[in-house]
Amino acid sequence: MKQMAFIITGTLLCAVSTTLLAMPNSIADGGILGISLLLFYAFGFSPGIVTFISFIALLGISFKYLPRHMVYKTMINVPLLSLFIYLTENLGQPIDDPLVAAIFAGLVMGLGFGLIIQAGSSIGGTSIIARICHQSFGWNIVTSTFIMDAIIVVAGVLVIGPLYTMYTIIALFTGKVASDYLLGGFDAKKAVNIISPKSKAIAKKITKEMGSSATYFHGSGTYTGEERQALYVVVRSHRLLTLKRLVREIDAEAFVVVHNVKDVSGGTFFATAVEGALEIDQGEEDPETQV
């Protein structure tokens, strides 16, 4: 039931992004939706009908080349997306600033696409063609999809002009970022590797003053061959500067590497200060203990 709710909501968001934000402001898209929008701008064809016919044709071909379960996953989205587009394609109004329209079109599309992916489905399109090419010729799916979408977007120069094609690229980028955040998590964090001969002292200070936990790793340098303990710490983004300050107070020469992470679950990375301090004190007896 939850997956069905995600599919319906995500498909509706993709549809209204197309009809309420993209269509009235001459913004295109990639894939089959992009083709339907370009045909609308050039000849006035209904995007809902074009989308439905195109997807049905692709699904018919894909039955011959793709596993059945891949085809079945898109059979719900295809008519639903076409129906939502058809019902709302005359409701949109132009926005004075096309750039704002492009940003929000991409945002809404990205959120809708993210919900559909979370439900384990897809809206098909060029990804179906890419999978057929992969099955038949061994072509890379991601590369093939990117090339086909790029060709469609670039073709927009002939229909909507270079300026609105650039707006389209902004919308696609915004949609990619939005779907990535929806799938990967909104609460961005930083993973930090700290290599220092004073790693125990650094870990103890981090736990007592920040309430964060850490993990010891053993390693050795390829140049000196000297064995060192490395710390792995995960902190919320706004606390990164505090962490770096604490490290510098103990070892100004510590080697620190920061990685972006979007989702963290499980473990005791965000233990309370009291719990963390107890773990550190116990860990000092055994350098392999996770703190």
Protein backbone atom coordinates (compact mmCIF):
# COMPACT_ATOMS: atom_id res chain seq x y z
CA MET A 1 0.00 0.00 0.00
CA LYS A 2 2.86 2.35 0.85
CA GLN A 3 4.57 1.61 -2.46
CA MET A 4 1.36 2.28 -4.37
CA ALA A 5 0.99 5.62 -2.56
CA PHE A 6 4.56 6.51 -3.53
CA ILE A 7 3.90 5.57 -7.16
CA ILE A 8 0.69 7.60 -7.41
CA THR A 9 2.15 10.64 -5.61
CA GLY A 10 5.41 10.50 -7.55
CA THR A 11 3.64 10.12 -10.90
CA LEU A 12 1.34 13.04 -10.10
CA LEU A 13 4.32 15.24 -9.20
CA CYS A 14 6.05 14.34 -12.47
CA ALA A 15 2.89 15.16 -14.39
CA VAL A 16 2.20 18.55 -12.78
CA SER A 17 5.87 19.46 -13.13
CA THR A 18 5.46 18.89 -16.85
CA THR A 19 2.08 20.56 -17.36
CA LEU A 20 2.01 23.37 -14.79
CA LEU A 21 5.65 24.45 -14.86
CA ALA A 22 7.43 23.17 -17.99
CA MET A 23 4.77 23.46 -20.70
CA PRO A 24 3.61 27.06 -20.05
CA ASN A 25 7.21 28.28 -19.90
CA SER A 26 8.67 26.50 -22.95
CA ILE A 27 10.91 24.22 -20.89
CA ALA A 28 11.68 20.77 -22.26
CA ASP A 29 12.95 17.58 -20.63
CA GLY A 30 14.89 14.44 -21.42
CA GLY A 31 13.51 11.09 -22.51
CA ILE A 32 10.02 10.46 -23.85
CA LEU A 33 8.64 13.40 -21.87
CA GLY A 34 11.15 15.63 -23.62
CA ILE A 35 10.09 14.36 -27.03
CA SER A 36 6.41 14.90 -26.20
CA LEU A 37 7.11 18.47 -25.05
CA LEU A 38 9.11 19.31 -28.18
CA LEU A 39 6.30 17.94 -30.36
CA PHE A 40 3.86 20.07 -28.37
CA TYR A 41 5.92 23.22 -28.90
CA ALA A 42 6.47 22.48 -32.60
CA PHE A 43 3.09 21.09 -33.68
CA GLY A 44 0.70 21.43 -30.73
CA PHE A 45 0.39 17.67 -30.17
CA SER A 46 -1.04 16.66 -26.80
CA PRO A 47 1.85 15.55 -24.53
CA GLY A 48 -0.48 13.18 -22.69
CA ILE A 49 -1.44 11.33 -25.86
CA VAL A 50 2.09 11.36 -27.30
CA THR A 51 3.51 10.06 -24.03
CA PHE A 52 0.95 7.26 -23.84
CA ILE A 53 1.49 6.13 -27.45
CA SER A 54 5.28 6.26 -27.11
CA PHE A 55 5.38 4.34 -23.85
CA ILE A 56 2.96 1.69 -25.11
CA ALA A 57 5.10 1.19 -28.22
CA LEU A 58 8.23 0.86 -26.09
CA LEU A 59 6.56 -1.57 -23.72
CA GLY A 60 5.41 -3.69 -26.65
CA ILE A 61 8.98 -3.89 -27.94
CA SER A 62 10.44 -4.48 -24.49
CA PHE A 63 8.32 -7.62 -23.95
CA LYS A 64 10.51 -9.29 -26.56
CA TYR A 65 13.85 -8.23 -25.15
CA LEU A 66 13.51 -7.59 -21.40
CA PRO A 67 12.58 -9.78 -18.41
CA ARG A 68 8.88 -9.65 -17.60
CA HIS A 69 9.36 -8.19 -14.12
CA MET A 70 11.09 -5.11 -15.57
CA VAL A 71 8.19 -4.51 -17.94
CA TYR A 72 5.50 -5.03 -15.31
CA LYS A 73 7.02 -2.38 -13.04
CA THR A 74 6.38 0.35 -15.60
CA MET A 75 2.91 -0.80 -16.66
CA ILE A 76 1.28 1.09 -13.76
CA ASN A 77 3.21 4.31 -14.23
CA VAL A 78 2.81 4.57 -17.99
CA PRO A 79 -0.99 4.98 -18.22
CA LEU A 80 -1.10 6.86 -14.90
CA LEU A 81 1.48 9.44 -15.99
CA SER A 82 -0.19 9.89 -19.37
CA LEU A 83 -3.60 10.30 -17.68
CA PHE A 84 -2.33 12.90 -15.20
CA ILE A 85 -0.62 14.84 -17.99
CA TYR A 86 -3.73 14.72 -20.17
CA LEU A 87 -5.98 15.95 -17.35
CA THR A 88 -3.73 18.86 -16.36
CA GLU A 89 -2.08 19.93 -19.61
CA ASN A 90 -4.42 22.93 -20.06
CA LEU A 91 -4.17 24.26 -16.49
CA GLY A 92 -0.70 25.80 -16.51
CA GLN A 93 0.01 29.54 -16.65
CA PRO A 94 3.27 31.21 -17.74
CA ILE A 95 5.56 32.55 -15.03
CA ASP A 96 7.25 35.91 -15.54
CA ASP A 97 10.68 34.47 -14.79
CA PRO A 98 11.42 31.26 -16.80
CA LEU A 99 14.46 30.57 -14.61
CA VAL A 100 12.24 30.24 -11.54
CA ALA A 101 9.93 27.97 -13.53
CA ALA A 102 12.90 25.80 -14.58
CA ILE A 103 14.19 25.46 -11.02
CA PHE A 104 10.81 24.49 -9.60
CA ALA A 105 9.98 22.23 -12.54
CA GLY A 106 13.19 20.34 -11.87
CA LEU A 107 12.57 20.27 -8.12
CA VAL A 108 9.04 18.87 -8.42
CA MET A 109 10.09 16.40 -11.13
CA GLY A 110 13.04 15.21 -9.04
CA LEU A 111 10.88 14.65 -5.96
CA GLY A 112 8.33 12.74 -8.01
CA PHE A 113 10.97 10.61 -9.69
CA GLY A 114 12.57 9.90 -6.31
CA LEU A 115 9.28 8.63 -4.90
CA ILE A 116 8.77 6.38 -7.92
CA ILE A 117 12.27 4.93 -7.55
CA GLN A 118 11.71 4.36 -3.82
CA ALA A 119 8.63 2.33 -4.74
CA GLY A 120 10.78 0.12 -6.96
CA SER A 121 9.21 1.34 -10.19
CA SER A 122 10.19 3.68 -13.03
CA ILE A 123 8.65 5.84 -15.72
CA GLY A 124 10.42 3.94 -18.49
CA GLY A 125 11.29 6.05 -21.50
CA THR A 126 14.85 6.08 -22.79
CA SER A 127 15.91 3.75 -19.98
CA ILE A 128 13.83 1.02 -21.66
CA ILE A 129 15.64 1.61 -24.97
CA ALA A 130 18.97 1.57 -23.11
CA ARG A 131 18.13 -1.77 -21.51
CA ILE A 132 17.15 -3.22 -24.89
CA CYS A 133 20.47 -2.04 -26.35
CA HIS A 134 22.25 -3.57 -23.38
CA GLN A 135 20.52 -6.92 -23.89
CA SER A 136 21.08 -6.90 -27.65
CA PHE A 137 24.49 -5.23 -28.06
CA GLY A 138 26.00 -5.09 -24.57
CA TRP A 139 25.94 -1.28 -24.43
CA ASN A 140 26.31 0.40 -21.06
CA ILE A 141 22.84 1.32 -19.73
CA VAL A 142 23.82 4.56 -17.97
CA THR A 143 25.90 5.81 -20.90
CA SER A 144 23.23 4.93 -23.45
CA THR A 145 20.51 6.66 -21.42
CA PHE A 146 22.64 9.77 -20.99
CA ILE A 147 23.47 9.97 -24.71
CA MET A 148 19.83 9.61 -25.78
CA ASP A 149 18.62 12.17 -23.25
CA ALA A 150 21.40 14.55 -24.30
CA ILE A 151 20.40 14.24 -27.96
CA ILE A 152 16.78 15.04 -27.09
CA VAL A 153 17.77 18.05 -24.97
CA VAL A 154 20.16 19.40 -27.63
CA ALA A 155 17.47 18.94 -30.28
CA GLY A 156 15.44 21.42 -28.26
CA VAL A 157 17.67 24.19 -29.63
CA LEU A 158 15.86 23.81 -32.97
CA VAL A 159 12.42 24.10 -31.34
CA ILE A 160 12.64 26.29 -28.23
CA GLY A 161 15.94 28.02 -28.91
CA PRO A 162 19.28 28.00 -27.05
CA LEU A 163 18.11 30.10 -24.07
CA TYR A 164 15.23 27.83 -23.12
CA THR A 165 17.38 24.79 -23.80
CA MET A 166 19.76 26.13 -21.13
CA TYR A 167 16.77 26.56 -18.81
CA THR A 168 15.96 22.93 -19.52
CA ILE A 169 19.47 21.87 -18.50
CA ILE A 170 19.04 23.82 -15.23
CA ALA A 171 15.75 22.01 -14.61
CA LEU A 172 17.36 18.62 -15.26
CA PHE A 173 20.23 19.39 -12.90
CA THR A 174 17.84 20.57 -10.17
CA GLY A 175 15.78 17.41 -10.60
CA LYS A 176 18.87 15.22 -10.31
CA VAL A 177 19.90 16.92 -7.05
CA ALA A 178 16.36 16.72 -5.63
CA SER A 179 15.96 13.01 -6.40
CA ASP A 180 19.43 12.26 -5.00
CA TYR A 181 18.59 13.97 -1.73
CA LEU A 182 15.24 12.22 -1.50
CA LEU A 183 16.82 8.82 -2.09
CA GLY A 184 19.97 9.42 -0.08
CA GLY A 185 18.64 11.46 2.83
CA PHE A 186 18.31 15.15 3.62
CA ASP A 187 20.34 15.15 6.84
CA ALA A 188 23.80 15.52 5.32
CA LYS A 189 26.73 14.57 7.50
CA LYS A 190 30.50 14.52 7.28
CA ALA A 191 32.66 11.44 7.67
CA VAL A 192 36.14 12.36 8.87
CA ASN A 193 39.32 10.26 8.86
CA ILE A 194 41.96 11.46 11.31
CA ILE A 195 45.48 10.01 11.34
CA SER A 196 47.62 11.09 14.25
CA PRO A 197 49.98 9.57 16.85
CA LYS A 198 47.69 11.23 19.40
CA SER A 199 44.50 9.56 18.15
CA LYS A 200 43.49 8.34 21.63
CA ALA A 201 43.64 11.83 23.08
CA ILE A 202 41.73 13.22 20.09
CA ALA A 203 39.03 10.54 20.42
CA LYS A 204 38.61 11.22 24.13
CA LYS A 205 38.27 14.97 23.56
CA ILE A 206 35.78 14.47 20.71
CA THR A 207 33.62 12.24 22.88
CA LYS A 208 33.71 14.43 25.97
CA GLU A 209 33.24 17.80 24.26
CA MET A 210 31.10 16.89 21.24
CA GLY A 211 29.18 13.82 22.39
CA SER A 212 30.21 11.99 19.21
CA SER A 213 31.58 8.49 18.94
CA ALA A 214 34.44 7.25 16.77
CA THR A 215 36.10 4.08 15.54
CA TYR A 216 39.79 3.09 15.63
CA PHE A 217 41.41 1.61 12.53
CA HIS A 218 44.96 0.25 12.39
CA GLY A 219 47.11 1.16 9.41
CA SER A 220 50.65 1.81 8.27
CA GLY A 221 52.15 4.30 5.87
CA THR A 222 53.57 3.00 2.60
CA TYR A 223 56.48 5.46 2.76
CA THR A 224 57.66 5.11 6.36
CA GLY A 225 56.07 1.75 7.19
CA GLU A 226 55.17 3.21 10.57
CA GLU A 227 52.00 1.82 12.14
CA ARG A 228 49.37 4.34 13.18
CA GLN A 229 45.85 4.35 14.59
CA ALA A 230 43.34 6.17 12.42
CA LEU A 231 40.07 7.58 13.72
CA TYR A 232 36.83 7.44 11.77
CA VAL A 233 34.29 10.00 12.98
CA VAL A 234 30.85 10.96 11.64
CA VAL A 235 29.50 14.38 12.63
CA ARG A 236 26.69 16.60 11.47
CA SER A 237 27.83 19.16 8.92
CA HIS A 238 27.45 22.19 11.17
CA ARG A 239 29.82 20.62 13.73
CA LEU A 240 32.70 19.98 11.32
CA LEU A 241 34.54 23.19 12.22
CA THR A 242 34.27 22.33 15.92
CA LEU A 243 35.75 18.90 15.25
CA LYS A 244 38.66 20.33 13.25
CA ARG A 245 39.36 22.85 15.99
CA LEU A 246 39.51 20.09 18.63
CA VAL A 247 41.90 18.07 16.47
CA ARG A 248 44.21 21.06 15.94
CA GLU A 249 44.31 21.75 19.68
CA ILE A 250 45.85 18.32 20.28
CA ASP A 251 47.80 17.74 17.09
CA ALA A 252 48.21 20.58 14.62
CA GLU A 253 49.95 18.19 12.20
CA ALA A 254 47.16 15.57 12.18
CA PHE A 255 46.18 14.29 8.74
CA VAL A 256 42.45 14.96 8.29
CA VAL A 257 40.27 13.84 5.36
CA VAL A 258 36.60 14.87 5.12
CA HIS A 259 33.95 12.98 3.10
CA ASN A 260 30.36 13.94 2.35
CA VAL A 261 27.74 11.39 3.45
CA LYS A 262 23.98 11.73 3.11
CA ASP A 263 22.61 9.00 5.30
CA VAL A 264 23.85 7.34 8.50
CA SER A 265 21.98 4.69 10.45
CA GLY A 266 22.77 2.31 13.28
CA GLY A 267 25.90 2.26 15.41
CA THR A 268 26.76 4.74 18.13
CA PHE A 269 28.18 7.59 16.10
CA PHE A 270 25.94 10.07 17.87
CA ALA A 271 26.21 8.74 21.42
CA THR A 272 25.70 11.06 24.33
CA ALA A 273 28.75 12.58 25.96
CA VAL A 274 28.41 10.39 29.06
CA GLU A 275 28.04 7.16 27.11
CA GLY A 276 30.89 8.09 24.80
CA ALA A 277 33.23 8.96 27.67
CA LEU A 278 32.63 5.58 29.28
CA GLU A 279 33.38 3.84 26.00
CA ILE A 280 36.59 5.81 25.53
CA ASP A 281 37.81 4.96 29.03
CA GLN A 282 37.15 1.29 28.39
CA GLY A 283 38.67 1.48 24.93
CA GLU A 284 41.99 2.76 26.22
CA GLU A 285 42.72 -0.72 27.56
CA ASP A 286 42.17 -2.24 24.13
CA PRO A 287 43.17 -0.07 21.13
CA GLU A 288 40.89 -2.13 18.83
CA THR A 289 37.81 -1.17 20.78
CA GLN A 290 35.27 0.94 18.87
CA VAL A 291 34.49 4.13 20.73
